[in-house]
Amino acid sequence: MTGMENQIKKPEPKEVNYTTLRENTPFTWSARTTTTALRVLTGLNYRDFFLDFDQNVRMYRDGEEKLAKLFDGFPMPQMVTPSVSYGHVNCLGAELFFPEDGEVGLRHICTSAKEGIDLLKSKKGIDFSKAGMFPFYAEFAEKLRAAFPGRSVRFGFGLEGPITTAYELLGDRIFTEIYDEPEATREFLDLLTDSINDYFPAACRVNGDDTDLPNDQDAYMADDIASMIPDSLWPEFVLPYWEKYYRFRTYGKRNIHIEGLLPNQLKFLETARIERYDPSISPVLTPQMIEKTCRVPFMWRIGSFHFPQMTEKDTADFVYLAAADGACNVHAYVAGDTLDPETVEKFYIFRDTAQKVERLLADGTPREELKKFTGYADSAEFWDNWCGYKGKPQYGKGQAL
C-alpha cells in the first residue's frame, strides 16, 4: 500500500437531528468564580495582572483564600495565564496595550481587505510559538505549573472566530469592505480563517491538548462581531468561514459563544450545525424568542452587572423562567463587582434554585410547571422588563431590523 492508502480517512461532520436535540439535552447550570474576582480581592491592577508573574502567584495564593470565605462551596477559578483574546493577531503583528486601570487593548494594523491579504500571505507558515508575546505567555504557563504543582494551568493567549478576528485587524473597515471590496473581503476572510486554524495547534501544544485534528472533541468558537453583519450577507461573509473553522477542529459537536444576535440571525445557527449556543449578553433576545425561533440548545446568563438591579426573588425567578422557556443551561460568573454581601447572597440563591430546577426536570417535571414557583403566568412580563431593559427598542419584541 502507498502512504496515502495507509492514511485513515476522518469522518465527515455529523448531521444534527434538531427535531430531538433540545429535548434530549439535560438541564445544567454553573456559578463560576473568576480571576477577575481574585484580582479585585488582592488589589492587583490590570497591568500587573497581565504582565507580572510574581503578582499572579500572590493573587492565586491570597485571593483564593479570600474568595473561598465569601463563596463557600463554590469551585475556585481555573488557573490560567492572563486571558488575552488577541493572541493570534498579536502574533501577526498587532500591538497590544496594557493600561494600568483597564483591559488589554490592541492596535488595528490593516486599512483594507487587500492590505490584510498581503499581511496574511507574508505571515503564511510562521512559527506562532516564536511570534509576538506567545513565548512570554508560554513561559508564564510553565512558571505557574512550577509554582503550583499538580494544578492544571491553561494557556490564555487566545484567538477569536473569523469575523471578530477580521475586526481586530481592520477595525470598522471590515463593515464597509464587505460592500466596497466583496471579492477581496472573501479572500481575506478565507486566508484569515486558515491563519486562525494554523494558530490553534500551537496553543494546543502549550496546553498538552490533542493536535490530531479534526477529532471527535467538542469545538468552541467565540465570534461576537458576526452579529454585526446583516443577515442577508451571512451566507457569503460568515457561514463559509465558520464552516472552515469548525471542519478543521472537529467532526463532533460544535459550540458557539456569540453576543448580540438579532432574531432574524438565529436561523443560521442550524445552518452552521451548532449544537450549543451561548448568547451571553444579548439584550435584544429573550429565552422565549430563542426557543420559538431556532431549535439549538441554548444557555442563558445573568451578567455580573445585572445582580445589583435584581432582588433575591428576581434571581430565583430568572432561573425558573429561563428553564421554563427552554434554556438548557443557566450560568453566572463571580466577578470583581459581585463581592458585596447582598450580591454574594444572590449567588447562593441562584445556585440553590438551579439545583432545585435540575432535580425537578430530571424527575420529569414539565418545564411549563416551573412558572408556578414565580407568580408569573407569562414569563414575557419578566423578560420584557428585566434588569433595566424596560423601554428597549421595539425590535426587542421579535421584529427583524
Protein backbone atom coordinates (compact mmCIF):
# COMPACT_ATOMS: atom_id res chain seq x y z
CA MET A 1 0.00 0.00 0.00
CA THR A 2 1.08 3.58 -0.57
CA GLY A 3 1.35 6.06 2.29
CA MET A 4 -1.82 7.71 1.08
CA GLU A 5 -3.72 4.41 1.21
CA ASN A 6 -2.49 3.84 4.77
CA GLN A 7 -3.99 7.10 5.97
CA ILE A 8 -7.20 6.81 7.98
CA LYS A 9 -9.93 8.96 6.48
CA LYS A 10 -11.53 11.28 9.01
CA PRO A 11 -15.33 11.19 9.27
CA GLU A 12 -17.40 13.97 7.77
CA PRO A 13 -19.08 16.39 10.22
CA LYS A 14 -22.13 14.69 11.63
CA GLU A 15 -25.67 15.66 10.78
CA VAL A 16 -27.63 17.11 13.68
CA ASN A 17 -31.17 15.98 14.46
CA TYR A 18 -32.72 19.23 15.64
CA THR A 19 -36.11 17.57 15.99
CA THR A 20 -34.98 15.84 19.19
CA LEU A 21 -31.74 17.62 20.16
CA ARG A 22 -33.15 20.13 22.61
CA GLU A 23 -35.45 17.69 24.40
CA ASN A 24 -32.55 15.25 24.75
CA THR A 25 -30.21 17.89 26.18
CA PRO A 26 -30.29 17.80 30.00
CA PHE A 27 -30.59 21.00 32.01
CA THR A 28 -27.34 22.13 33.66
CA TRP A 29 -26.11 25.19 35.49
CA SER A 30 -22.89 26.81 36.66
CA ALA A 31 -21.88 29.61 39.01
CA ARG A 32 -18.21 30.13 38.34
CA THR A 33 -15.68 32.21 40.19
CA THR A 34 -13.17 34.11 38.06
CA THR A 35 -9.66 35.51 38.14
CA THR A 36 -11.29 38.95 37.91
CA ALA A 37 -12.63 38.42 41.43
CA LEU A 38 -9.19 37.27 42.61
CA ARG A 39 -7.60 40.36 41.08
CA VAL A 40 -10.00 42.71 42.87
CA LEU A 41 -9.75 40.89 46.21
CA THR A 42 -5.96 41.18 46.16
CA GLY A 43 -5.81 44.78 44.92
CA LEU A 44 -3.95 43.87 41.74
CA ASN A 45 -4.13 46.44 38.94
CA TYR A 46 -4.77 45.35 35.37
CA ARG A 47 -1.26 45.91 34.03
CA ASP A 48 0.39 43.87 36.76
CA PHE A 49 -2.24 41.16 36.31
CA PHE A 50 -1.37 40.80 32.64
CA LEU A 51 2.40 41.20 32.90
CA ASP A 52 3.74 40.39 36.38
CA PHE A 53 4.16 36.68 37.13
CA ASP A 54 5.03 37.14 40.82
CA GLN A 55 1.89 39.22 41.36
CA ASN A 56 -0.18 36.47 39.74
CA VAL A 57 1.25 33.93 42.17
CA ARG A 58 0.29 36.23 45.04
CA MET A 59 -3.16 36.71 43.52
CA TYR A 60 -3.87 32.98 43.47
CA ARG A 61 -2.37 32.24 46.89
CA ASP A 62 -4.03 35.11 48.75
CA GLY A 63 -7.10 35.61 46.58
CA GLU A 64 -8.36 32.03 46.62
CA GLU A 65 -8.40 32.01 50.40
CA LYS A 66 -10.44 35.24 50.48
CA LEU A 67 -12.75 34.11 47.71
CA ALA A 68 -13.43 30.75 49.36
CA LYS A 69 -14.59 32.53 52.52
CA LEU A 70 -17.10 34.57 50.54
CA PHE A 71 -18.28 31.76 48.29
CA ASP A 72 -18.16 28.66 50.44
CA GLY A 73 -18.70 25.54 48.35
CA PHE A 74 -18.09 27.25 45.00
CA PRO A 75 -15.13 25.98 42.95
CA MET A 76 -12.12 28.23 42.60
CA PRO A 77 -11.28 29.66 39.17
CA GLN A 78 -9.46 27.59 36.57
CA MET A 79 -5.80 28.56 36.84
CA VAL A 80 -4.88 30.24 33.57
CA THR A 81 -2.33 32.60 32.16
CA PRO A 82 -3.87 36.09 31.95
CA SER A 83 -6.60 35.82 29.33
CA VAL A 84 -5.74 37.74 26.16
CA SER A 85 -8.19 37.06 23.34
CA TYR A 86 -5.90 38.81 20.86
CA GLY A 87 -3.05 36.29 20.99
CA HIS A 88 -3.37 35.22 17.36
CA VAL A 89 -3.44 38.74 15.90
CA ASN A 90 -0.60 39.83 18.16
CA CYS A 91 1.49 37.11 16.55
CA LEU A 92 0.54 38.60 13.18
CA GLY A 93 1.88 41.98 14.27
CA ALA A 94 -0.96 43.73 16.11
CA GLU A 95 0.50 45.61 19.08
CA LEU A 96 -1.06 45.04 22.49
CA PHE A 97 -1.60 47.73 25.10
CA PHE A 98 -1.76 47.09 28.85
CA PRO A 99 -3.27 50.09 30.68
CA GLU A 100 -2.98 50.22 34.43
CA ASP A 101 -6.71 50.52 35.00
CA GLY A 102 -8.31 48.67 32.09
CA GLU A 103 -8.39 45.54 29.98
CA VAL A 104 -5.82 44.80 27.32
CA GLY A 105 -6.30 46.60 24.00
CA LEU A 106 -4.79 46.33 20.55
CA ARG A 107 -3.92 48.42 17.51
CA HIS A 108 -5.68 47.67 14.20
CA ILE A 109 -2.92 47.22 11.63
CA CYS A 110 -4.74 46.93 8.29
CA THR A 111 -6.67 49.65 6.45
CA SER A 112 -8.29 47.44 3.81
CA ALA A 113 -9.04 43.82 2.95
CA LYS A 114 -6.32 43.94 0.29
CA GLU A 115 -3.79 45.08 2.87
CA GLY A 116 -4.98 42.26 5.09
CA ILE A 117 -4.43 39.78 2.25
CA ASP A 118 -0.85 41.00 1.84
CA LEU A 119 -0.23 40.68 5.58
CA LEU A 120 -1.61 37.15 5.77
CA LYS A 121 0.36 36.00 2.74
CA SER A 122 3.55 37.42 4.27
CA LYS A 123 2.85 35.57 7.54
CA LYS A 124 1.98 32.23 5.93
CA GLY A 125 3.90 29.42 7.60
CA ILE A 126 5.26 31.46 10.53
CA ASP A 127 6.10 29.69 13.78
CA PHE A 128 3.45 31.17 16.06
CA SER A 129 5.17 29.80 19.13
CA LYS A 130 8.03 32.25 18.49
CA ALA A 131 5.97 35.27 17.44
CA GLY A 132 4.62 38.25 19.37
CA MET A 133 4.04 37.68 23.08
CA PHE A 134 3.41 33.95 22.61
CA PRO A 135 6.81 32.98 24.13
CA PHE A 136 6.18 35.29 27.11
CA TYR A 137 2.84 33.66 27.95
CA ALA A 138 4.03 30.13 27.17
CA GLU A 139 6.78 30.66 29.74
CA PHE A 140 4.19 32.20 32.07
CA ALA A 141 2.22 28.93 31.89
CA GLU A 142 5.27 26.83 32.68
CA LYS A 143 6.17 29.03 35.64
CA LEU A 144 2.63 28.77 37.03
CA ARG A 145 2.78 24.98 36.75
CA ALA A 146 6.08 25.03 38.64
CA ALA A 147 4.70 27.37 41.32
CA PHE A 148 1.53 25.27 41.81
CA PRO A 149 2.50 21.62 41.29
CA GLY A 150 -0.43 19.38 40.49
CA ARG A 151 -2.67 22.24 39.38
CA SER A 152 -3.99 22.35 35.84
CA VAL A 153 -2.89 25.55 34.11
CA ARG A 154 -4.47 26.66 30.84
CA PHE A 155 -2.87 28.87 28.20
CA GLY A 156 -4.99 32.01 27.86
CA PHE A 157 -3.22 33.66 24.91
CA GLY A 158 -6.11 33.00 22.64
CA LEU A 159 -7.93 33.54 19.38
CA GLU A 160 -11.38 34.53 18.16
CA GLY A 161 -13.69 33.50 15.35
CA PRO A 162 -13.16 34.74 11.79
CA ILE A 163 -15.35 37.85 11.79
CA THR A 164 -14.16 39.08 15.18
CA THR A 165 -10.56 38.48 14.10
CA ALA A 166 -11.21 40.45 10.91
CA TYR A 167 -12.36 43.35 13.09
CA GLU A 168 -9.25 43.03 15.24
CA LEU A 169 -7.08 43.56 12.15
CA LEU A 170 -9.21 46.06 10.17
CA GLY A 171 -11.34 47.78 12.78
CA ASP A 172 -14.54 49.34 11.44
CA ARG A 173 -13.26 49.00 7.86
CA ILE A 174 -14.48 45.40 7.81
CA PHE A 175 -18.07 46.70 7.77
CA THR A 176 -17.51 48.77 4.62
CA GLU A 177 -15.13 46.41 2.83
CA ILE A 178 -17.84 43.77 2.52
CA TYR A 179 -19.67 46.26 0.29
CA ASP A 180 -16.77 48.13 -1.35
CA GLU A 181 -14.45 45.17 -1.97
CA PRO A 182 -16.52 41.98 -1.64
CA GLU A 183 -14.16 39.76 -3.65
CA ALA A 184 -11.10 40.91 -1.72
CA THR A 185 -13.00 40.56 1.57
CA ARG A 186 -13.88 36.95 0.78
CA GLU A 187 -10.24 36.17 0.01
CA PHE A 188 -9.15 37.99 3.17
CA LEU A 189 -11.59 36.02 5.34
CA ASP A 190 -10.53 32.75 3.73
CA LEU A 191 -6.83 33.41 4.38
CA LEU A 192 -7.63 34.68 7.86
CA THR A 193 -9.52 31.51 8.78
CA ASP A 194 -6.53 29.48 7.56
CA SER A 195 -4.31 31.56 9.83
CA ILE A 196 -6.61 31.06 12.82
CA ASN A 197 -6.53 27.33 12.15
CA ASP A 198 -2.73 27.39 11.91
CA TYR A 199 -2.50 29.16 15.28
CA PHE A 200 -4.78 26.73 17.09
CA PRO A 201 -2.39 23.72 17.26
CA ALA A 202 0.39 25.94 18.62
CA ALA A 203 -1.86 26.91 21.54
CA CYS A 204 -2.96 23.29 21.96
CA ARG A 205 0.64 22.18 22.37
CA VAL A 206 1.16 24.58 25.29
CA ASN A 207 -1.86 23.01 26.98
CA GLY A 208 -0.83 19.46 26.13
CA ASP A 209 -4.07 19.03 24.16
CA ASP A 210 -4.66 16.68 21.24
CA THR A 211 -3.35 18.19 17.98
CA ASP A 212 -4.51 15.31 15.77
CA LEU A 213 -7.19 17.38 14.10
CA PRO A 214 -10.01 17.12 13.33
CA ASN A 215 -11.12 14.86 16.15
CA ASP A 216 -14.35 13.99 17.95
CA GLN A 217 -13.88 16.51 20.76
CA ASP A 218 -16.24 19.47 21.09
CA ALA A 219 -15.14 22.58 19.19
CA TYR A 220 -15.76 26.06 20.59
CA MET A 221 -15.84 29.39 18.81
CA ALA A 222 -16.36 32.95 20.05
CA ASP A 223 -17.35 35.33 17.25
CA ASP A 224 -19.35 38.24 18.66
CA ILE A 225 -18.70 40.62 15.76
CA ALA A 226 -20.54 38.30 13.36
CA SER A 227 -23.74 39.61 14.95
CA MET A 228 -22.97 43.00 13.34
CA ILE A 229 -23.08 41.58 9.81
CA PRO A 230 -26.56 41.94 8.24
CA ASP A 231 -28.37 38.64 7.96
CA SER A 232 -28.63 38.99 4.15
CA LEU A 233 -24.82 38.78 3.96
CA TRP A 234 -24.28 35.84 6.29
CA PRO A 235 -24.34 33.17 3.56
CA GLU A 236 -21.49 34.99 1.81
CA PHE A 237 -19.42 36.55 4.59
CA VAL A 238 -19.99 34.48 7.75
CA LEU A 239 -21.11 30.89 7.22
CA PRO A 240 -18.34 29.71 4.83
CA TYR A 241 -15.65 30.77 7.29
CA TRP A 242 -17.42 29.29 10.29
CA GLU A 243 -17.61 26.02 8.37
CA LYS A 244 -13.90 26.12 7.59
CA TYR A 245 -13.10 26.92 11.24
CA TYR A 246 -15.14 24.01 12.60
CA ARG A 247 -14.16 21.45 9.97
CA PHE A 248 -10.50 21.96 10.85
CA ARG A 249 -11.18 21.18 14.52
CA THR A 250 -13.88 18.57 14.83
CA TYR A 251 -16.29 16.18 13.23
CA GLY A 252 -18.17 16.20 16.53
CA LYS A 253 -20.11 18.79 18.49
CA ARG A 254 -19.96 22.48 17.55
CA ASN A 255 -20.43 25.06 20.33
CA ILE A 256 -20.57 28.83 19.88
CA HIS A 257 -20.47 31.97 22.00
CA ILE A 258 -21.87 34.93 20.08
CA GLU A 259 -23.28 38.01 21.74
CA GLY A 260 -25.74 40.46 20.28
CA LEU A 261 -27.55 38.27 17.73
CA LEU A 262 -30.85 39.53 16.38
CA PRO A 263 -33.91 37.31 15.98
CA ASN A 264 -33.52 37.22 12.19
CA GLN A 265 -29.97 35.84 12.53
CA LEU A 266 -30.84 32.89 14.77
CA LYS A 267 -31.80 30.66 11.84
CA PHE A 268 -28.16 30.47 10.79
CA LEU A 269 -27.19 28.54 13.92
CA GLU A 270 -28.87 25.45 12.49
CA THR A 271 -27.32 26.07 9.08
CA ALA A 272 -23.92 26.00 10.81
CA ARG A 273 -24.84 22.77 12.67
CA ILE A 274 -24.36 24.40 16.08
CA GLU A 275 -25.34 22.13 18.98
CA ARG A 276 -24.88 24.55 21.88
CA TYR A 277 -25.43 28.31 21.70
CA ASP A 278 -24.28 30.80 24.32
CA PRO A 279 -25.95 34.21 23.72
CA SER A 280 -24.22 35.61 26.83
CA ILE A 281 -25.08 39.34 26.84
CA SER A 282 -27.71 39.74 24.11
CA PRO A 283 -30.26 42.34 25.28
CA VAL A 284 -32.46 42.13 22.17
CA LEU A 285 -33.17 38.43 22.77
CA THR A 286 -35.19 36.58 25.39
CA PRO A 287 -35.33 32.84 26.09
CA GLN A 288 -38.87 32.75 24.68
CA MET A 289 -37.66 34.33 21.46
CA ILE A 290 -34.78 31.88 21.03
CA GLU A 291 -36.95 28.87 21.87
CA LYS A 292 -39.51 29.85 19.24
CA THR A 293 -37.04 30.89 16.53
CA CYS A 294 -34.44 28.11 16.44
CA ARG A 295 -34.05 24.57 17.75
CA VAL A 296 -30.48 24.79 19.01
CA PRO A 297 -30.00 24.11 22.75
CA PHE A 298 -29.11 27.44 24.33
CA MET A 299 -27.68 28.87 27.53
CA TRP A 300 -28.88 31.94 29.41
CA ARG A 301 -26.71 34.15 31.60
CA ILE A 302 -27.06 36.63 34.42
CA GLY A 303 -24.32 39.18 33.84
CA SER A 304 -22.45 40.39 36.88
CA PHE A 305 -23.77 43.90 36.20
CA HIS A 306 -27.34 42.56 36.39
CA PHE A 307 -27.18 41.47 40.03
CA PRO A 308 -27.35 44.94 41.66
CA GLN A 309 -30.64 45.57 39.80
CA MET A 310 -32.17 42.26 40.87
CA THR A 311 -33.93 41.31 44.07
CA GLU A 312 -33.45 37.90 45.64
CA LYS A 313 -36.83 36.91 44.18
CA ASP A 314 -35.74 38.14 40.73
CA THR A 315 -32.70 35.90 40.97
CA ALA A 316 -34.76 32.79 41.66
CA ASP A 317 -37.37 33.78 39.06
CA PHE A 318 -34.61 34.15 36.46
CA VAL A 319 -33.65 30.51 36.90
CA TYR A 320 -37.21 29.15 36.91
CA LEU A 321 -38.31 31.18 33.90
CA ALA A 322 -35.17 30.60 31.81
CA ALA A 323 -35.62 26.85 32.28
CA ALA A 324 -39.37 27.07 31.67
CA ASP A 325 -38.70 28.84 28.38
CA GLY A 326 -36.29 26.21 27.10
CA ALA A 327 -32.80 27.14 28.27
CA CYS A 328 -30.59 24.06 28.63
CA ASN A 329 -28.22 25.90 30.96
CA VAL A 330 -28.19 28.95 33.23
CA HIS A 331 -24.94 30.45 34.41
CA ALA A 332 -23.37 33.35 36.25
CA TYR A 333 -19.83 34.50 36.97
CA VAL A 334 -18.38 35.79 40.22
CA ALA A 335 -16.57 38.92 39.04
CA GLY A 336 -14.97 41.93 40.67
CA ASP A 337 -18.29 43.74 41.00
CA THR A 338 -20.15 40.87 42.70
CA LEU A 339 -18.30 40.72 46.01
CA ASP A 340 -20.59 42.76 48.27
CA PRO A 341 -22.63 40.76 50.83
CA GLU A 342 -26.01 41.33 49.13
CA THR A 343 -24.74 40.07 45.78
CA VAL A 344 -22.95 37.12 47.36
CA GLU A 345 -26.27 36.05 48.87
CA LYS A 346 -27.90 36.22 45.42
CA PHE A 347 -25.29 33.79 44.10
CA TYR A 348 -26.29 31.29 46.76
CA ILE A 349 -29.94 31.76 45.78
CA PHE A 350 -29.00 31.28 42.12
CA ARG A 351 -27.12 28.07 42.93
CA ASP A 352 -29.81 26.63 45.19
CA THR A 353 -32.60 27.41 42.72
CA ALA A 354 -30.63 25.96 39.81
CA GLN A 355 -30.00 22.76 41.76
CA LYS A 356 -33.73 22.52 42.52
CA VAL A 357 -34.65 23.04 38.85
CA GLU A 358 -32.08 20.46 37.77
CA ARG A 359 -33.68 17.88 40.10
CA LEU A 360 -37.23 18.73 39.06
CA LEU A 361 -36.51 18.42 35.34
CA ALA A 362 -34.50 15.23 35.83
CA ASP A 363 -37.51 13.79 37.67
CA GLY A 364 -39.78 14.57 34.74
CA THR A 365 -41.43 17.84 35.76
CA PRO A 366 -42.69 19.63 32.63
CA ARG A 367 -40.82 22.87 32.02
CA GLU A 368 -44.04 24.88 31.88
CA GLU A 369 -44.80 23.93 35.51
CA LEU A 370 -41.68 25.76 36.71
CA LYS A 371 -43.53 29.04 36.29
CA LYS A 372 -45.74 28.20 39.28
CA PHE A 373 -42.76 28.94 41.56
CA THR A 374 -42.58 32.54 40.30
CA GLY A 375 -46.04 34.05 40.22
CA TYR A 376 -45.68 34.82 36.51
CA ALA A 377 -48.33 33.26 34.28
CA ASP A 378 -46.49 34.62 31.23
CA SER A 379 -42.72 34.92 31.51
CA ALA A 380 -42.70 37.64 28.81
CA GLU A 381 -43.65 40.07 31.59
CA PHE A 382 -40.36 39.23 33.32
CA TRP A 383 -38.11 39.21 30.25
CA ASP A 384 -39.50 42.39 28.72
CA ASN A 385 -38.66 44.34 31.84
CA TRP A 386 -35.78 42.56 33.49
CA CYS A 387 -32.65 44.32 34.67
CA GLY A 388 -33.10 47.78 33.27
CA TYR A 389 -34.12 46.81 29.75
CA LYS A 390 -37.63 48.24 30.12
CA GLY A 391 -38.31 50.53 27.20
CA LYS A 392 -35.87 48.77 24.88
CA PRO A 393 -36.39 49.27 21.13
CA GLN A 394 -39.37 47.59 19.54
CA TYR A 395 -37.23 45.15 17.60
CA GLY A 396 -36.67 43.59 21.02
CA LYS A 397 -40.19 42.17 20.61
CA GLY A 398 -39.01 39.98 17.75
CA GLN A 399 -39.25 42.11 14.63
CA ALA A 400 -36.40 41.97 12.17
CA LEU A 401 -34.42 45.13 11.57
